[in-house]
Amino acid sequence: MKKQNAAFLSIISNSFLIIFKSLLAYDGLHTVISEAAHSGIDLIASIVAFFSIKRPSSLPTGTPYGPANTKTFRAFSSNAHIFRRGNDHL
């Protein structure tokens, strides 16, 4: 499986989880609301990963503004995302 296909599958599965957990929360299981929010955060991370994987394949390799900068952005955004989520529990 290609990396891009795996990232797209992650987007689809996280979207399904958000819908499913939101329906359960609407049905009366209010403890699932935080899980739906967590899946929403995972969806954002999946979207960033998808575009980070997709973007380098379309850039020329001989430029100073190529794939390395996109990977740096992805790493920064993922680390910021993890740091932010970790600080919510303090």
Protein backbone atom coordinates (compact mmCIF):
# COMPACT_ATOMS: atom_id res chain seq x y z
CA MET A 1 0.00 0.00 0.00
CA LYS A 2 1.32 3.42 -0.89
CA LYS A 3 1.90 5.98 1.84
CA GLN A 4 -0.64 8.31 0.26
CA ASN A 5 -3.30 5.59 0.19
CA ALA A 6 -2.65 4.75 3.83
CA ALA A 7 -2.99 8.42 4.81
CA PHE A 8 -6.25 8.68 2.83
CA LEU A 9 -7.57 5.55 4.54
CA SER A 10 -6.71 7.15 7.87
CA ILE A 11 -8.79 10.21 6.93
CA ILE A 12 -11.75 8.02 5.96
CA SER A 13 -11.56 5.89 9.11
CA ASN A 14 -11.23 8.91 11.42
CA SER A 15 -14.20 10.58 9.70
CA PHE A 16 -16.24 7.41 10.22
CA LEU A 17 -15.23 7.29 13.89
CA ILE A 18 -16.27 10.92 14.41
CA ILE A 19 -19.69 10.29 12.87
CA PHE A 20 -20.21 7.02 14.77
CA LYS A 21 -19.14 8.44 18.14
CA SER A 22 -21.18 11.60 17.62
CA LEU A 23 -24.26 9.50 16.91
CA LEU A 24 -23.64 7.51 20.09
CA ALA A 25 -23.28 10.74 22.07
CA TYR A 26 -26.50 12.07 20.56
CA ASP A 27 -28.22 8.82 21.51
CA GLY A 28 -27.40 9.33 25.17
CA LEU A 29 -23.87 8.07 25.75
CA HIS A 30 -22.42 11.41 26.78
CA THR A 31 -19.08 9.93 27.82
CA VAL A 32 -18.31 9.33 24.16
CA ILE A 33 -18.22 13.07 23.40
CA SER A 34 -14.59 13.34 24.47
CA GLU A 35 -13.73 10.36 22.30
CA ALA A 36 -15.39 12.02 19.32
CA ALA A 37 -13.34 15.16 19.99
CA HIS A 38 -10.20 13.02 20.19
CA SER A 39 -11.04 11.45 16.84
CA GLY A 40 -11.50 14.96 15.44
CA ILE A 41 -7.98 15.83 16.54
CA ASP A 42 -6.73 12.61 14.94
CA LEU A 43 -8.53 13.65 11.75
CA ILE A 44 -6.62 16.93 11.67
CA ALA A 45 -3.34 15.04 12.11
CA SER A 46 -4.34 12.63 9.31
CA ILE A 47 -5.10 15.52 6.95
CA VAL A 48 -1.73 17.13 7.69
CA ALA A 49 -0.02 13.78 7.07
CA PHE A 50 -1.93 13.25 3.81
CA PHE A 51 -0.92 16.62 2.36
CA SER A 52 2.63 16.27 3.67
CA ILE A 53 2.98 12.97 1.83
CA LYS A 54 1.19 14.17 -1.29
CA ARG A 55 3.03 17.47 -1.64
CA PRO A 56 6.65 16.23 -1.89
CA SER A 57 5.84 13.89 -4.77
CA SER A 58 4.72 16.85 -6.90
CA LEU A 59 7.71 19.13 -6.20
CA PRO A 60 10.91 19.13 -8.21
CA THR A 61 13.78 17.53 -6.30
CA GLY A 62 16.53 19.97 -7.26
CA THR A 63 15.09 23.08 -5.61
CA PRO A 64 15.98 24.49 -2.17
CA TYR A 65 12.25 24.72 -1.41
CA GLY A 66 11.51 21.08 -1.99
CA PRO A 67 10.22 18.14 0.02
CA ALA A 68 12.45 18.67 3.06
CA ASN A 69 10.60 21.86 3.98
CA THR A 70 7.24 20.10 3.76
CA LYS A 71 8.50 17.30 6.01
CA THR A 72 9.81 19.90 8.46
CA PHE A 73 6.38 21.55 8.54
CA ARG A 74 4.70 18.20 9.12
CA ALA A 75 7.06 17.32 11.95
CA PHE A 76 6.57 20.72 13.56
CA SER A 77 2.78 20.60 13.29
CA SER A 78 2.65 17.04 14.66
CA ASN A 79 4.88 17.93 17.60
CA ALA A 80 2.89 21.09 18.34
CA HIS A 81 -0.29 19.03 18.16
CA ILE A 82 1.05 16.45 20.64
CA PHE A 83 2.38 19.16 22.96
CA ARG A 84 -0.97 20.97 22.94
CA ARG A 85 -2.95 17.80 23.66
CA GLY A 86 -0.55 16.84 26.46
CA ASN A 87 -0.93 20.20 28.15
CA ASP A 88 -4.71 19.87 28.23
CA HIS A 89 -4.40 17.16 30.86
CA LEU A 90 -2.20 19.15 33.24
